[in-house]
Amino acid sequence: MTEASTTLKKLTVQRRDELHEAPGQTAQALRLSGVAVENTEVEGLWFGKVFTGPGEISGAHHHGLAETGGYVFKGRGFIRFGKRYEEIIYMEEGDFVYVPPFVPHIEGNASRTEELVWLTTRTPGNIVVNLDDEDIAELEIDYQS
């Protein structure tokens, strides 16, 4: 491959204090785009931060055909899924999670005092499908701190 036959995309840096809200949002899960079509020449990838305040729980949603990988950067979180969102998995700082395409879920902060911060990546992009009028079971959340 020669330089003449290749056009390279521009290498860019998105500064932490200059990140913008991602186009796809869900209540109680603020998404900021780090590497995305809105701020780079990337194709087929979204990588960003997701913030959930103390004790907050997102609305029900899924990510369409996007595969999602998440990393708990700060705090303690949970994901609810399955029939009536009755299944729950808790995650601590340093844990990774994979959410397959089209799997409805709810994310939450399992702390009443600390913010939850995820690093999240999606391919082919930040697809967000919010689900209204879902039948959601009442569950007792194991809040710590």
Protein backbone atom coordinates (compact mmCIF):
# COMPACT_ATOMS: atom_id res chain seq x y z
CA MET A 1 0.00 0.00 0.00
CA THR A 2 1.45 3.35 -1.00
CA GLU A 3 0.77 6.77 0.39
CA ALA A 4 -0.69 7.85 -2.94
CA SER A 5 -3.32 5.07 -2.86
CA THR A 6 -4.42 5.65 0.74
CA THR A 7 -6.34 8.53 2.23
CA LEU A 8 -5.99 8.46 5.99
CA LYS A 9 -8.68 9.77 8.29
CA LYS A 10 -7.75 12.57 10.67
CA LEU A 11 -6.55 11.55 14.14
CA THR A 12 -8.44 13.62 16.70
CA VAL A 13 -8.69 14.07 20.45
CA GLN A 14 -11.96 14.92 22.17
CA ARG A 15 -11.22 16.84 25.39
CA ARG A 16 -13.10 15.68 28.49
CA ASP A 17 -14.45 19.17 29.19
CA GLU A 18 -15.71 19.57 25.61
CA LEU A 19 -17.78 16.38 25.16
CA HIS A 20 -21.31 16.85 23.86
CA GLU A 21 -24.49 14.94 24.63
CA ALA A 22 -24.96 11.97 22.33
CA PRO A 23 -27.97 12.09 19.97
CA GLY A 24 -29.54 9.00 21.65
CA GLN A 25 -30.60 9.59 25.28
CA THR A 26 -32.61 7.76 27.94
CA ALA A 27 -33.97 9.32 31.13
CA GLN A 28 -31.50 9.02 34.04
CA ALA A 29 -28.62 7.85 31.76
CA LEU A 30 -26.83 10.88 30.32
CA ARG A 31 -24.64 9.81 27.37
CA LEU A 32 -21.69 11.93 26.24
CA SER A 33 -20.00 11.14 22.93
CA GLY A 34 -16.26 10.57 23.08
CA VAL A 35 -15.62 8.97 19.69
CA ALA A 36 -18.67 9.27 17.46
CA VAL A 37 -19.81 10.34 14.02
CA GLU A 38 -20.71 13.75 15.44
CA ASN A 39 -17.11 14.57 16.44
CA THR A 40 -14.76 12.35 14.38
CA GLU A 41 -14.50 10.57 11.04
CA VAL A 42 -15.34 7.22 12.71
CA GLU A 43 -17.64 4.76 10.94
CA GLY A 44 -19.49 1.97 12.72
CA LEU A 45 -18.48 2.77 16.31
CA TRP A 46 -19.68 4.85 19.25
CA PHE A 47 -17.57 5.22 22.39
CA GLY A 48 -18.61 7.45 25.26
CA LYS A 49 -19.42 8.00 28.91
CA VAL A 50 -22.77 7.37 30.56
CA PHE A 51 -23.62 9.10 33.85
CA THR A 52 -26.32 8.06 36.33
CA GLY A 53 -26.79 10.10 39.50
CA PRO A 54 -27.06 8.65 43.02
CA GLY A 55 -30.05 6.30 43.31
CA GLU A 56 -31.21 7.00 39.76
CA ILE A 57 -32.61 4.32 37.46
CA SER A 58 -32.85 4.69 33.68
CA GLY A 59 -35.92 4.19 31.60
CA ALA A 60 -36.38 0.88 29.79
CA HIS A 61 -34.60 0.76 26.45
CA HIS A 62 -32.57 -1.35 24.01
CA HIS A 63 -29.91 -0.59 21.43
CA GLY A 64 -31.42 -2.08 18.28
CA LEU A 65 -28.89 -3.98 16.21
CA ALA A 66 -25.95 -2.46 18.12
CA GLU A 67 -23.71 -4.65 20.23
CA THR A 68 -22.78 -2.86 23.45
CA GLY A 69 -19.79 -3.24 25.71
CA GLY A 70 -19.72 -1.42 29.03
CA TYR A 71 -17.11 -0.86 31.73
CA VAL A 72 -17.96 0.40 35.22
CA PHE A 73 -15.48 3.25 35.52
CA LYS A 74 -16.78 4.67 38.80
CA GLY A 75 -19.38 3.49 41.27
CA ARG A 76 -21.67 0.49 41.59
CA GLY A 77 -24.40 -0.21 39.09
CA PHE A 78 -26.94 -2.76 38.01
CA ILE A 79 -28.75 -3.89 34.89
CA ARG A 80 -32.27 -5.30 34.92
CA PHE A 81 -33.52 -7.44 32.04
CA GLY A 82 -35.71 -10.44 31.23
CA LYS A 83 -39.44 -10.86 31.73
CA ARG A 84 -40.77 -7.73 33.47
CA TYR A 85 -37.10 -6.81 34.06
CA GLU A 86 -37.05 -9.24 37.01
CA GLU A 87 -33.46 -10.39 36.48
CA ILE A 88 -30.79 -8.14 37.95
CA ILE A 89 -27.01 -8.17 37.83
CA TYR A 90 -24.89 -5.88 40.01
CA MET A 91 -21.53 -4.56 38.84
CA GLU A 92 -18.65 -2.94 40.66
CA GLU A 93 -15.87 -0.62 39.49
CA GLY A 94 -13.67 -2.47 37.02
CA ASP A 95 -16.38 -4.88 35.80
CA PHE A 96 -17.27 -5.23 32.12
CA VAL A 97 -20.70 -6.07 30.69
CA TYR A 98 -21.91 -7.13 27.26
CA VAL A 99 -25.45 -6.26 26.16
CA PRO A 100 -26.53 -8.13 23.00
CA PRO A 101 -28.56 -6.42 20.27
CA PHE A 102 -32.29 -5.84 20.90
CA VAL A 103 -32.16 -6.90 24.61
CA PRO A 104 -34.48 -4.60 26.60
CA HIS A 105 -32.88 -3.46 29.85
CA ILE A 106 -32.82 -0.87 32.60
CA GLU A 107 -29.62 0.52 34.10
CA GLY A 108 -29.33 1.88 37.60
CA ASN A 109 -27.02 3.32 40.18
CA ALA A 110 -26.79 1.04 43.23
CA SER A 111 -25.52 3.87 45.44
CA ARG A 112 -27.58 6.63 47.01
CA THR A 113 -24.50 8.85 47.52
CA GLU A 114 -22.06 8.32 44.62
CA GLU A 115 -22.39 8.94 40.88
CA LEU A 116 -22.19 5.96 38.50
CA VAL A 117 -19.98 6.41 35.41
CA TRP A 118 -19.82 3.84 32.61
CA LEU A 119 -17.47 3.79 29.64
CA THR A 120 -19.58 2.37 26.84
CA THR A 121 -18.93 1.35 23.26
CA ARG A 122 -21.39 0.38 20.56
CA THR A 123 -21.15 -0.90 17.06
CA PRO A 124 -22.39 0.14 14.56
CA GLY A 125 -23.33 3.31 16.49
CA ASN A 126 -25.20 4.83 19.42
CA ILE A 127 -28.60 3.33 18.68
CA VAL A 128 -31.08 4.03 21.49
CA VAL A 129 -34.68 2.80 21.42
CA ASN A 130 -36.61 3.98 24.48
CA LEU A 131 -39.48 1.71 25.52
CA ASP A 132 -42.63 3.29 26.93
CA ASP A 133 -45.46 1.63 28.85
CA GLU A 134 -43.36 -1.37 29.89
CA ASP A 135 -44.61 -3.78 32.58
CA ILE A 136 -41.80 -3.45 35.13
CA ALA A 137 -41.77 -5.57 38.26
CA GLU A 138 -41.24 -3.98 41.66
CA LEU A 139 -37.83 -5.09 42.94
CA GLU A 140 -35.93 -4.21 46.06
CA ILE A 141 -32.59 -2.75 44.99
CA ASP A 142 -29.48 -3.59 47.02
CA TYR A 143 -28.22 -0.03 47.54
CA GLN A 144 -24.78 0.27 49.08
CA SER A 145 -23.34 3.57 50.31
